[in-house]
């Protein structure tokens, strides 16, 4: 980086909260790096690879769950909010990760799962023991209907009724996800207090923020009203898809709890709170959850994560949905819950072009951006055979649901090593055959690789306040061409992307500062993008 660019970056870093416009790198601990050869990634493995993450040019890491868990949903079924599962290491190992990250200038964000726990959590074991115990109403319990059927028609995300009968209580309990993931009753102030105590535990250990999982599932309709059917034409692969989800989630009182969480995190200084919000009403909920200065800092939805194609109109749509003053957005093209974007948006013939195009596009969007481990390598989705599947959703809905396991396979570090350098033992999921040629060691030694290009894109974002913090105005979005302008304090940057397979004419708007693909003699190549400084 040039000296004047470094000075600019320092100004950017100090004039705004660190998270505003930040680039965040998501690490899925089971699949990042295994330090002890048991085939499962762990916290010491993460600590050992943080130099690599720092060199990407990101601002923070986001760690998916590493808490004590029976792993029915691989950590999103928490059995102890305040401890590390032995498969990942110890609390001391977590402290080492935080210390190492901070020494490298990286912030640390961790997942928090407030919608539900594992059925092995001590809270649930006590709650189900009777109807009179101190935690009897810490979960969502309800009597059967007169005919013995569940209290409402609500369906689980993973398929089947969202209610399971418990003989010890003689009642049903609610689980919006797996049967083994009972829903907390977050309407109960005592439950909120306990959740906030758990958040305080990690803040005291030095974490810089939280990514809050499935927060719009955190409160239900106390009247247990039936959900109406989904409109005709709705894509249906699960029983969950047959309903409009008006009553099993998205209760307006969620906002009050988020304000309590924000007050807690504000007491620790410059901390970051990020909500994951999916579903039919995601946009309105994201805005509600981030409105003003008393709620969460940011939110992201699934606009890109499940999109079957990357189009100008898609980008224009999400940009228009988040105008200035509507809260601070965050964006991800990939994560642990969605098929790899390169497999959704590209073919074998244009994969390299689209991998570069989408990386430059992500780096120029308004908001904070999230890269998922391996995205910087251009990893495609792995076709995990049925007998190797681990994901309970994929197993339950096979073959109609594209497995989340295909995006969770081990990180390829070394092309000629067993398990591609992820582990010395057999990995918990198979490594991808196509990942060998994309391994880190091969791309490190190739100046023209996507890894090196990703570093350049993130350096570009850091070097220009207009890209990191500026406004965004869509100038053109048609079937082929996307043009938008980022601006801040008199600096204007024009971003032009050809998202089609045809060459398009291009009139230069200023000094070119980044290029993905081809630009020659006034022609912008297929699946190419150019970023130009116009003042």
Protein backbone atom coordinates (compact mmCIF):
# COMPACT_ATOMS: atom_id res chain seq x y z
CA UNK A 1 0.00 0.00 0.00
CA UNK A 2 1.27 3.50 -0.83
CA UNK A 3 2.09 5.80 2.09
CA UNK A 4 -0.72 8.26 1.29
CA UNK A 5 -3.15 5.34 1.07
CA UNK A 6 -2.04 4.14 4.51
CA UNK A 7 -2.68 7.60 5.96
CA UNK A 8 -6.12 7.62 4.34
CA UNK A 9 -6.87 4.22 5.85
CA UNK A 10 -5.94 5.48 9.32
CA UNK A 11 -8.33 8.41 8.92
CA UNK A 12 -11.08 6.05 7.83
CA UNK A 13 -10.47 3.82 10.84
CA UNK A 14 -10.65 6.64 13.38
CA UNK A 15 -13.45 8.81 12.00
CA UNK A 16 -16.14 6.13 12.26
CA UNK A 17 -16.88 3.14 14.51
CA UNK A 18 -14.60 0.28 13.45
CA UNK A 19 -17.53 -1.85 12.27
CA UNK A 20 -19.03 0.74 9.95
CA UNK A 21 -17.99 -0.41 6.50
CA UNK A 22 -15.84 -3.18 7.94
CA UNK A 23 -14.91 -6.38 6.14
CA UNK A 24 -15.66 -9.39 8.36
CA UNK A 25 -14.34 -12.90 7.77
CA UNK A 26 -16.63 -15.72 8.89
CA UNK A 27 -14.91 -18.79 10.30
CA UNK A 28 -16.83 -22.05 10.66
CA UNK A 29 -14.68 -23.63 13.39
CA UNK A 30 -15.41 -27.28 12.56
CA UNK A 31 -13.96 -26.82 9.08
CA UNK A 32 -11.26 -24.18 9.32
CA UNK A 33 -8.15 -25.81 10.78
CA UNK A 34 -7.67 -28.93 12.92
CA UNK A 35 -4.73 -28.78 15.33
CA UNK A 36 -4.98 -32.24 16.93
CA UNK A 37 -5.76 -34.61 14.07
CA UNK A 38 -9.26 -35.66 15.14
CA UNK A 39 -10.78 -34.48 11.88
CA UNK A 40 -12.65 -31.53 13.41
CA UNK A 41 -11.41 -27.95 13.34
CA UNK A 42 -10.74 -26.26 16.66
CA UNK A 43 -9.80 -23.02 18.39
CA UNK A 44 -6.02 -23.66 18.45
CA UNK A 45 -6.26 -24.29 14.71
CA UNK A 46 -7.94 -20.92 14.26
CA UNK A 47 -5.31 -19.14 16.34
CA UNK A 48 -2.56 -20.67 14.20
CA UNK A 49 -4.11 -19.36 10.99
CA UNK A 50 -4.91 -15.80 12.02
CA UNK A 51 -1.87 -14.39 10.22
CA UNK A 52 -3.47 -15.60 7.00
CA UNK A 53 -6.75 -13.92 7.92
CA UNK A 54 -4.99 -10.67 8.84
CA UNK A 55 -3.17 -10.67 5.51
CA UNK A 56 -6.48 -10.76 3.65
CA UNK A 57 -7.10 -7.22 4.86
CA UNK A 58 -10.27 -7.84 6.86
CA UNK A 59 -11.16 -5.96 10.03
CA UNK A 60 -12.72 -8.73 12.08
CA UNK A 61 -13.44 -12.43 12.37
CA UNK A 62 -16.84 -13.89 13.10
CA UNK A 63 -16.73 -17.28 14.80
CA UNK A 64 -19.69 -19.61 14.34
CA UNK A 65 -20.67 -21.49 17.53
CA UNK A 66 -17.99 -23.25 19.56
CA UNK A 67 -20.08 -23.59 22.73
CA UNK A 68 -20.84 -26.80 24.62
CA UNK A 69 -23.31 -28.74 22.49
CA UNK A 70 -24.45 -32.27 21.61
CA UNK A 71 -23.96 -31.11 17.99
CA UNK A 72 -27.32 -32.12 16.65
CA UNK A 73 -27.18 -28.83 14.71
CA UNK A 74 -23.42 -28.43 15.06
CA UNK A 75 -23.31 -25.84 17.79
CA UNK A 76 -26.52 -23.98 17.11
CA UNK A 77 -28.02 -26.26 19.76
CA UNK A 78 -26.28 -24.74 22.78
CA UNK A 79 -26.06 -26.76 26.00
CA UNK A 80 -23.97 -24.18 27.88
CA UNK A 81 -23.75 -20.57 26.75
CA UNK A 82 -20.65 -19.91 28.85
CA UNK A 83 -18.25 -22.71 27.96
CA UNK A 84 -16.37 -24.21 25.03
CA UNK A 85 -17.22 -27.65 23.71
CA UNK A 86 -14.25 -30.00 24.23
CA UNK A 87 -14.12 -30.80 20.51
CA UNK A 88 -13.05 -27.19 19.94
CA UNK A 89 -10.79 -26.79 22.99
CA UNK A 90 -11.12 -24.86 26.22
CA UNK A 91 -11.97 -21.39 27.47
CA UNK A 92 -8.24 -20.75 27.65
CA UNK A 93 -7.99 -21.64 23.96
CA UNK A 94 -10.72 -19.11 23.23
CA UNK A 95 -8.86 -16.48 25.22
CA UNK A 96 -5.78 -17.25 23.13
CA UNK A 97 -7.76 -16.66 19.93
CA UNK A 98 -8.99 -13.29 21.21
CA UNK A 99 -5.51 -12.26 22.36
CA UNK A 100 -3.90 -13.34 19.09
CA UNK A 101 -6.57 -11.65 16.99
CA UNK A 102 -6.29 -8.40 18.89
CA UNK A 103 -2.51 -8.45 18.59
CA UNK A 104 -2.97 -8.64 14.80
CA UNK A 105 -5.48 -5.79 14.75
CA UNK A 106 -8.49 -8.05 14.24
CA UNK A 107 -11.76 -7.69 16.12
CA UNK A 108 -13.59 -10.83 17.29
CA UNK A 109 -17.34 -11.34 16.80
CA UNK A 110 -19.02 -14.48 18.07
CA UNK A 111 -22.40 -16.07 17.44
CA UNK A 112 -25.17 -15.80 19.99
CA UNK A 113 -28.22 -18.08 19.75
CA UNK A 114 -31.11 -16.56 21.69
CA UNK A 115 -34.06 -18.22 19.98
CA UNK A 116 -33.52 -21.71 21.39
CA UNK A 117 -31.15 -24.01 23.26
CA UNK A 118 -30.30 -27.68 23.15
CA UNK A 119 -32.64 -30.03 24.96
CA UNK A 120 -29.50 -30.98 26.92
CA UNK A 121 -29.19 -27.49 28.41
CA UNK A 122 -29.64 -27.47 32.18
CA UNK A 123 -32.38 -24.89 31.85
CA UNK A 124 -34.51 -27.20 29.70
CA UNK A 125 -33.84 -30.25 31.86
CA UNK A 126 -35.20 -28.34 34.84
CA UNK A 127 -38.06 -26.80 32.89
CA UNK A 128 -39.37 -30.14 31.63
CA UNK A 129 -39.16 -31.80 35.05
CA UNK A 130 -42.50 -30.38 36.26
CA UNK A 131 -44.96 -27.55 35.80
CA UNK A 132 -44.03 -25.94 39.14
CA UNK A 133 -40.21 -25.68 39.09
CA UNK A 134 -38.45 -22.27 39.02
CA UNK A 135 -37.76 -22.56 35.27
CA UNK A 136 -41.11 -24.06 34.34
CA UNK A 137 -41.91 -21.12 32.05
CA UNK A 138 -38.42 -20.57 30.62
CA UNK A 139 -39.48 -22.45 27.47
CA UNK A 140 -42.65 -22.41 25.39
CA UNK A 141 -45.00 -25.02 26.82
CA UNK A 142 -48.67 -25.49 25.95
CA UNK A 143 -51.47 -27.96 26.56
CA UNK A 144 -52.75 -30.23 23.84
CA UNK A 145 -55.99 -29.46 22.07
CA UNK A 146 -58.96 -31.52 23.31
CA UNK A 147 -58.24 -34.15 20.66
CA UNK A 148 -54.60 -34.44 21.78
CA UNK A 149 -53.17 -32.65 18.75
CA UNK A 150 -50.56 -29.86 19.01
CA UNK A 151 -51.62 -26.41 20.27
CA UNK A 152 -51.27 -24.80 16.81
CA UNK A 153 -50.48 -25.68 13.22
CA UNK A 154 -46.98 -24.23 13.31
CA UNK A 155 -44.34 -26.12 11.33
CA UNK A 156 -40.62 -26.54 11.97
CA UNK A 157 -38.01 -25.10 9.60
CA UNK A 158 -36.51 -28.60 9.41
CA UNK A 159 -39.83 -30.23 8.58
CA UNK A 160 -42.81 -31.57 10.51
CA UNK A 161 -44.78 -29.98 13.37
CA UNK A 162 -43.01 -27.37 15.50
CA UNK A 163 -44.45 -29.01 18.63
CA UNK A 164 -43.26 -32.15 20.44
CA UNK A 165 -45.12 -33.93 23.24
CA UNK A 166 -43.23 -34.30 26.51
CA UNK A 167 -44.57 -37.00 28.84
CA UNK A 168 -42.89 -35.59 31.95
CA UNK A 169 -44.81 -32.32 31.70
CA UNK A 170 -47.84 -33.72 29.93
CA UNK A 171 -47.54 -30.79 27.52
CA UNK A 172 -46.13 -29.87 24.15
CA UNK A 173 -43.02 -27.73 23.76
CA UNK A 174 -42.25 -25.46 20.81
CA UNK A 175 -39.21 -25.94 18.56
CA UNK A 176 -39.00 -23.86 15.40
CA UNK A 177 -35.99 -25.92 14.36
CA UNK A 178 -34.99 -29.44 15.44
CA UNK A 179 -36.95 -31.37 18.08
CA UNK A 180 -33.73 -31.17 20.11
CA UNK A 181 -33.80 -27.34 19.93
CA UNK A 182 -36.62 -26.20 22.26
CA UNK A 183 -37.57 -22.53 21.96
CA UNK A 184 -36.79 -20.26 24.85
CA UNK A 185 -39.64 -18.14 26.21
CA UNK A 186 -37.96 -14.80 25.68
CA UNK A 187 -41.16 -13.04 26.75
CA UNK A 188 -40.08 -13.99 30.29
CA UNK A 189 -37.90 -11.23 31.83
CA UNK A 190 -35.93 -13.83 33.81
CA UNK A 191 -34.94 -15.56 30.58
CA UNK A 192 -33.85 -12.24 29.10
CA UNK A 193 -31.76 -11.59 32.20
CA UNK A 194 -30.08 -14.99 31.89
CA UNK A 195 -29.35 -14.44 28.19
CA UNK A 196 -27.86 -11.02 28.89
CA UNK A 197 -25.72 -12.54 31.64
CA UNK A 198 -24.32 -14.96 29.06
CA UNK A 199 -23.59 -12.08 26.69
CA UNK A 200 -21.85 -10.24 29.53
CA UNK A 201 -19.68 -13.32 30.15
CA UNK A 202 -18.21 -13.09 26.64
CA UNK A 203 -17.94 -9.31 26.66
CA UNK A 204 -15.90 -9.62 29.84
CA UNK A 205 -13.59 -12.02 27.96
CA UNK A 206 -12.91 -9.38 25.35
CA UNK A 207 -15.19 -10.09 22.40
CA UNK A 208 -15.92 -7.11 20.16
CA UNK A 209 -19.44 -7.98 19.14
CA UNK A 210 -22.14 -10.51 18.44
CA UNK A 211 -23.78 -11.96 15.37
CA UNK A 212 -27.25 -12.91 16.60
CA UNK A 213 -28.68 -16.05 15.06
CA UNK A 214 -32.32 -16.31 13.89
CA UNK A 215 -33.35 -13.43 16.12
CA UNK A 216 -36.78 -13.04 14.50
CA UNK A 217 -37.65 -16.51 15.87
CA UNK A 218 -36.97 -15.36 19.43
CA UNK A 219 -40.57 -14.57 20.40
CA UNK A 220 -43.88 -16.18 19.47
CA UNK A 221 -47.52 -15.17 19.59
CA UNK A 222 -48.68 -15.97 23.16
CA UNK A 223 -52.19 -16.66 21.87
CA UNK A 224 -50.78 -19.51 19.73
CA UNK A 225 -52.89 -18.55 16.72
CA UNK A 226 -52.65 -20.76 13.64
CA UNK A 227 -50.54 -19.54 10.74
CA UNK A 228 -52.50 -18.97 7.51
CA UNK A 229 -51.57 -20.97 4.40
CA UNK A 230 -48.94 -19.63 2.00
CA UNK A 231 -50.20 -18.22 -1.30
CA UNK A 232 -50.46 -20.49 -4.30
CA UNK A 233 -47.23 -20.63 -6.26
CA UNK A 234 -44.97 -20.64 -3.21
CA UNK A 235 -42.01 -22.97 -3.67
CA UNK A 236 -42.49 -25.87 -1.27
CA UNK A 237 -39.84 -28.40 -0.30
CA UNK A 238 -40.70 -28.54 3.43
CA UNK A 239 -43.89 -28.48 5.45
CA UNK A 240 -42.62 -25.11 6.77
CA UNK A 241 -43.08 -23.64 3.27
CA UNK A 242 -46.86 -24.20 3.29
CA UNK A 243 -47.52 -21.37 5.75
CA UNK A 244 -47.22 -17.65 6.21
CA UNK A 245 -45.19 -17.29 9.38
CA UNK A 246 -47.19 -14.65 11.19
CA UNK A 247 -47.44 -16.13 14.66
CA UNK A 248 -44.61 -18.57 15.36
CA UNK A 249 -42.03 -15.79 15.00
CA UNK A 250 -41.52 -12.02 14.54
CA UNK A 251 -43.35 -10.79 17.62
CA UNK A 252 -43.02 -6.99 18.00
CA UNK A 253 -41.67 -7.33 21.56
CA UNK A 254 -38.38 -8.62 20.15
CA UNK A 255 -37.39 -4.98 19.68
CA UNK A 256 -37.59 -4.30 23.42
CA UNK A 257 -35.19 -7.16 24.14
CA UNK A 258 -32.76 -5.90 21.50
CA UNK A 259 -32.77 -2.49 23.16
CA UNK A 260 -31.75 -4.18 26.42
CA UNK A 261 -28.93 -5.97 24.59
CA UNK A 262 -27.78 -2.72 23.01
CA UNK A 263 -27.63 -0.99 26.38
CA UNK A 264 -25.45 -3.83 27.63
CA UNK A 265 -23.02 -3.76 24.71
CA UNK A 266 -22.80 0.04 24.76
CA UNK A 267 -21.53 -0.25 28.31
CA UNK A 268 -18.43 -1.97 26.93
CA UNK A 269 -17.52 0.73 24.45
CA UNK A 270 -17.30 0.25 20.70
CA UNK A 271 -19.01 -3.12 20.33
CA UNK A 272 -20.88 -4.40 17.27
CA UNK A 273 -24.26 -6.14 17.14
CA UNK A 274 -25.39 -7.81 13.91
CA UNK A 275 -28.70 -9.59 13.39
CA UNK A 276 -29.38 -12.45 11.02
CA UNK A 277 -32.92 -12.02 9.68
CA UNK A 278 -34.59 -14.33 7.20
CA UNK A 279 -38.13 -14.93 6.08
CA UNK A 280 -40.91 -13.23 4.19
CA UNK A 281 -40.76 -10.01 6.21
CA UNK A 282 -37.00 -9.73 6.54
CA UNK A 283 -36.65 -6.18 5.25
CA UNK A 284 -39.17 -4.62 7.61
CA UNK A 285 -37.72 -6.56 10.52
CA UNK A 286 -34.13 -5.61 9.69
CA UNK A 287 -35.15 -1.98 9.63
CA UNK A 288 -37.04 -2.29 12.91
CA UNK A 289 -34.12 -4.09 14.59
CA UNK A 290 -31.61 -1.39 13.54
CA UNK A 291 -33.73 1.76 13.75
CA UNK A 292 -32.17 4.67 15.60
CA UNK A 293 -29.29 4.48 18.06
CA UNK A 294 -30.91 2.28 20.72
CA UNK A 295 -31.18 -1.01 18.83
CA UNK A 296 -28.73 -3.19 16.92
CA UNK A 297 -25.93 -1.72 14.85
CA UNK A 298 -26.67 -3.70 11.70
CA UNK A 299 -28.53 -6.61 10.13
CA UNK A 300 -28.29 -8.82 7.10
CA UNK A 301 -30.78 -10.94 5.21
CA UNK A 302 -30.69 -13.63 2.57
CA UNK A 303 -31.09 -11.47 -0.54
CA UNK A 304 -27.79 -12.68 -2.02
CA UNK A 305 -27.36 -15.89 -0.05
CA UNK A 306 -30.17 -17.77 -1.77
CA UNK A 307 -30.25 -15.86 -5.07
CA UNK A 308 -29.99 -18.17 -8.05
CA UNK A 309 -28.35 -15.48 -10.21
CA UNK A 310 -26.38 -12.27 -9.69
CA UNK A 311 -28.21 -9.60 -11.65
CA UNK A 312 -28.11 -5.79 -11.83
CA UNK A 313 -31.70 -5.61 -10.60
CA UNK A 314 -30.89 -7.73 -7.53
CA UNK A 315 -28.13 -5.34 -6.48
CA UNK A 316 -30.27 -2.30 -7.26
CA UNK A 317 -33.16 -3.77 -5.28
CA UNK A 318 -31.15 -4.30 -2.10
CA UNK A 319 -29.52 -0.88 -2.42
CA UNK A 320 -32.90 0.81 -2.72
CA UNK A 321 -34.17 -1.17 0.27
CA UNK A 322 -31.40 0.34 2.43
CA UNK A 323 -31.32 4.09 1.71
CA UNK A 324 -29.35 6.34 4.01
CA UNK A 325 -31.22 6.78 7.25
CA UNK A 326 -32.71 3.27 7.18
CA UNK A 327 -30.08 1.67 9.40
CA UNK A 328 -26.68 0.31 8.50
CA UNK A 329 -26.80 -2.80 6.29
CA UNK A 330 -24.43 -5.74 6.10
CA UNK A 331 -24.05 -8.03 3.10
CA UNK A 332 -22.88 -11.57 2.50
CA UNK A 333 -22.79 -13.54 -0.74
CA UNK A 334 -21.93 -16.80 1.05
CA UNK A 335 -22.15 -18.37 4.50
CA UNK A 336 -22.48 -21.70 6.28
CA UNK A 337 -26.23 -21.94 5.62
CA UNK A 338 -26.27 -21.31 1.87
CA UNK A 339 -24.83 -23.01 -1.21
CA UNK A 340 -21.58 -21.50 -2.41
CA UNK A 341 -22.32 -18.45 -4.57
CA UNK A 342 -19.87 -19.48 -7.27
CA UNK A 343 -21.90 -22.66 -7.80
CA UNK A 344 -25.18 -20.71 -7.93
CA UNK A 345 -24.02 -17.87 -10.17
CA UNK A 346 -21.40 -19.35 -12.49
CA UNK A 347 -20.79 -22.16 -14.93
CA UNK A 348 -17.55 -24.07 -15.42
CA UNK A 349 -16.76 -21.79 -18.36
CA UNK A 350 -17.15 -18.43 -16.59
CA UNK A 351 -16.34 -19.41 -13.00
CA UNK A 352 -13.02 -17.54 -12.79
CA UNK A 353 -14.51 -14.37 -14.29
CA UNK A 354 -17.53 -14.33 -12.00
CA UNK A 355 -15.41 -15.10 -8.92
CA UNK A 356 -13.44 -11.89 -9.54
CA UNK A 357 -16.48 -9.89 -10.53
CA UNK A 358 -18.43 -10.78 -7.39
CA UNK A 359 -15.44 -10.08 -5.13
CA UNK A 360 -14.98 -6.59 -6.56
CA UNK A 361 -18.72 -5.98 -6.34
CA UNK A 362 -18.85 -7.06 -2.69
CA UNK A 363 -15.92 -4.77 -1.87
CA UNK A 364 -17.71 -1.76 -3.36
CA UNK A 365 -21.15 -2.16 -1.75
CA UNK A 366 -22.41 0.28 0.85
CA UNK A 367 -22.54 -1.35 4.26
CA UNK A 368 -20.38 -3.81 6.13
CA UNK A 369 -19.40 -6.90 4.17
CA UNK A 370 -18.92 -10.51 5.22
CA UNK A 371 -16.65 -13.03 3.49
CA UNK A 372 -17.13 -16.69 4.27
CA UNK A 373 -14.03 -18.85 4.68
CA UNK A 374 -12.85 -20.10 1.29
CA UNK A 375 -14.78 -17.47 -0.63
CA UNK A 376 -11.47 -15.71 -1.23
CA UNK A 377 -10.29 -18.90 -2.95
CA UNK A 378 -13.34 -19.25 -5.18
CA UNK A 379 -14.39 -22.57 -3.65
CA UNK A 380 -17.37 -24.23 -5.35
CA UNK A 381 -20.04 -26.25 -3.57
CA UNK A 382 -19.04 -29.85 -2.78
CA UNK A 383 -21.46 -32.61 -3.70
CA UNK A 384 -21.48 -34.55 -0.44
CA UNK A 385 -22.94 -38.05 -0.92
CA UNK A 386 -25.94 -38.99 1.18
CA UNK A 387 -23.99 -41.46 3.30
CA UNK A 388 -21.57 -38.67 4.35
CA UNK A 389 -24.20 -36.02 5.10
CA UNK A 390 -24.13 -34.49 8.57
CA UNK A 391 -26.63 -31.64 8.17
CA UNK A 392 -29.97 -32.66 9.75
CA UNK A 393 -31.94 -30.42 7.39
CA UNK A 394 -30.34 -32.02 4.32
CA UNK A 395 -30.91 -35.52 5.65
CA UNK A 396 -34.57 -34.81 6.45
CA UNK A 397 -35.32 -33.19 3.10
CA UNK A 398 -32.97 -35.12 0.81
CA UNK A 399 -32.73 -34.77 -2.15
CA UNK A 400 -34.92 -31.66 -2.43
CA UNK A 401 -32.75 -29.35 -0.31
CA UNK A 402 -29.23 -28.56 -1.48
CA UNK A 403 -27.12 -29.62 1.48
CA UNK A 404 -25.55 -27.01 3.74
CA UNK A 405 -22.75 -29.53 4.19
CA UNK A 406 -21.55 -28.73 0.68
CA UNK A 407 -20.56 -25.25 1.87
CA UNK A 408 -19.11 -26.49 5.17
CA UNK A 409 -16.40 -28.80 3.89
CA UNK A 410 -12.83 -28.34 5.19
CA UNK A 411 -10.70 -25.39 4.19
CA UNK A 412 -8.03 -26.44 1.65
CA UNK A 413 -4.66 -25.21 2.91
CA UNK A 414 -2.12 -27.43 1.15
CA UNK A 415 -2.82 -29.01 -2.23
CA UNK A 416 -0.63 -32.11 -1.88
CA UNK A 417 -1.27 -32.86 1.81
CA UNK A 418 -3.72 -35.40 3.23
CA UNK A 419 -7.14 -33.77 3.73
CA UNK A 420 -5.69 -30.80 1.82
CA UNK A 421 -3.83 -29.72 4.95
CA UNK A 422 -6.94 -29.31 7.08
CA UNK A 423 -6.19 -32.29 9.35
CA UNK A 424 -3.87 -35.25 9.70
CA UNK A 425 -6.93 -37.46 10.36
CA UNK A 426 -10.03 -38.14 8.32
CA UNK A 427 -12.08 -34.98 8.20
CA UNK A 428 -15.64 -34.84 9.52
CA UNK A 429 -16.85 -33.94 6.03
CA UNK A 430 -15.07 -34.95 2.83
CA UNK A 431 -12.72 -32.43 1.24
CA UNK A 432 -13.71 -31.22 -2.20
CA UNK A 433 -11.87 -32.75 -5.15
CA UNK A 434 -12.16 -29.47 -7.05
CA UNK A 435 -10.66 -27.62 -4.07
CA UNK A 436 -7.18 -29.09 -4.53
CA UNK A 437 -6.19 -26.75 -7.33
CA UNK A 438 -7.68 -23.83 -5.38
CA UNK A 439 -5.76 -24.51 -2.15
CA UNK A 440 -4.16 -21.64 -0.28
CA UNK A 441 -0.58 -22.72 -1.03
CA UNK A 442 -1.21 -22.68 -4.78
CA UNK A 443 -2.87 -19.29 -4.73
CA UNK A 444 -0.29 -17.73 -2.42
CA UNK A 445 2.39 -18.34 -5.04
CA UNK A 446 0.31 -17.04 -7.94
CA UNK A 447 0.13 -13.24 -8.21
CA UNK A 448 -2.85 -13.56 -10.55
CA UNK A 449 -4.91 -15.75 -8.21
CA UNK A 450 -8.30 -14.90 -6.75
CA UNK A 451 -6.73 -14.86 -3.28
CA UNK A 452 -4.36 -12.10 -4.31
CA UNK A 453 -7.18 -10.28 -6.10
CA UNK A 454 -9.32 -10.46 -2.94
CA UNK A 455 -6.52 -8.80 -0.98
CA UNK A 456 -6.37 -6.05 -3.60
CA UNK A 457 -10.15 -5.53 -3.42
CA UNK A 458 -10.11 -5.19 0.36
CA UNK A 459 -7.14 -2.83 0.21
CA UNK A 460 -9.08 -0.72 -2.28
CA UNK A 461 -12.07 -0.60 0.06
CA UNK A 462 -9.92 0.44 3.00
CA UNK A 463 -8.10 3.10 1.02
CA UNK A 464 -11.17 5.03 -0.13
CA UNK A 465 -13.59 6.49 2.44
CA UNK A 466 -16.25 6.74 -0.27
CA UNK A 467 -16.24 2.94 -0.61
CA UNK A 468 -16.16 2.19 3.08
CA UNK A 469 -18.53 4.84 4.41
CA UNK A 470 -19.99 6.78 1.49
CA UNK A 471 -23.45 7.05 0.01
CA UNK A 472 -24.56 4.79 -2.83
CA UNK A 473 -26.61 5.91 -5.82
CA UNK A 474 -27.78 3.51 -8.51
CA UNK A 475 -27.27 5.12 -11.92
CA UNK A 476 -28.23 2.19 -14.13
CA UNK A 477 -29.52 -1.32 -13.61
CA UNK A 478 -30.81 -3.16 -16.65
CA UNK A 479 -30.54 -6.74 -17.86
CA UNK A 480 -26.80 -6.49 -18.40
CA UNK A 481 -25.27 -3.42 -16.83
CA UNK A 482 -25.04 -2.20 -13.25
CA UNK A 483 -23.65 1.26 -12.59
CA UNK A 484 -23.58 2.97 -9.21
CA UNK A 485 -21.73 5.80 -7.57
CA UNK A 486 -20.21 5.93 -4.10
CA UNK A 487 -19.52 9.37 -2.66
CA UNK A 488 -18.17 10.98 0.48
CA UNK A 489 -16.80 14.44 1.26
CA UNK A 490 -16.46 15.43 -2.39
CA UNK A 491 -14.90 12.13 -3.47
CA UNK A 492 -16.86 10.25 -6.12
CA UNK A 493 -16.23 6.71 -7.30
CA UNK A 494 -18.05 5.15 -10.24
CA UNK A 495 -18.54 1.37 -10.18
CA UNK A 496 -19.54 -0.31 -13.45
CA UNK A 497 -20.30 -4.02 -13.74
CA UNK A 498 -21.19 -6.01 -16.83
CA UNK A 499 -23.12 -8.96 -15.44
CA UNK A 500 -23.80 -10.50 -18.84
CA UNK A 501 -22.00 -12.80 -21.28
CA UNK A 502 -21.76 -10.05 -23.92
CA UNK A 503 -19.21 -7.28 -24.28
CA UNK A 504 -20.57 -3.79 -23.69
CA UNK A 505 -19.30 -0.36 -24.70
CA UNK A 506 -17.85 1.68 -21.87
CA UNK A 507 -17.00 5.36 -21.76
CA UNK A 508 -14.42 6.08 -19.10
CA UNK A 509 -15.68 8.23 -16.25
CA UNK A 510 -12.28 8.95 -14.69
CA UNK A 511 -9.14 7.32 -13.38
CA UNK A 512 -9.42 3.53 -13.22
CA UNK A 513 -8.47 2.18 -9.80
CA UNK A 514 -9.67 -1.44 -10.02
CA UNK A 515 -10.60 -3.91 -12.73
CA UNK A 516 -12.13 -7.37 -12.69
CA UNK A 517 -12.06 -8.97 -16.13
CA UNK A 518 -11.34 -7.05 -19.33
CA UNK A 519 -11.53 -3.42 -20.39
CA UNK A 520 -10.07 -2.56 -23.79
CA UNK A 521 -10.60 0.28 -26.24
CA UNK A 522 -13.88 1.39 -24.75
CA UNK A 523 -15.27 -2.13 -24.39
CA UNK A 524 -16.03 -3.76 -21.06
CA UNK A 525 -15.75 -7.53 -21.33
CA UNK A 526 -18.32 -10.11 -20.33
CA UNK A 527 -18.59 -10.57 -16.56
CA UNK A 528 -16.22 -7.67 -15.95
CA UNK A 529 -16.21 -4.70 -13.65
CA UNK A 530 -14.30 -1.44 -13.42
CA UNK A 531 -14.01 1.04 -10.57
CA UNK A 532 -13.08 4.62 -11.45
CA UNK A 533 -12.30 7.67 -9.36
CA UNK A 534 -14.09 10.61 -10.94
CA UNK A 535 -13.07 13.38 -8.55
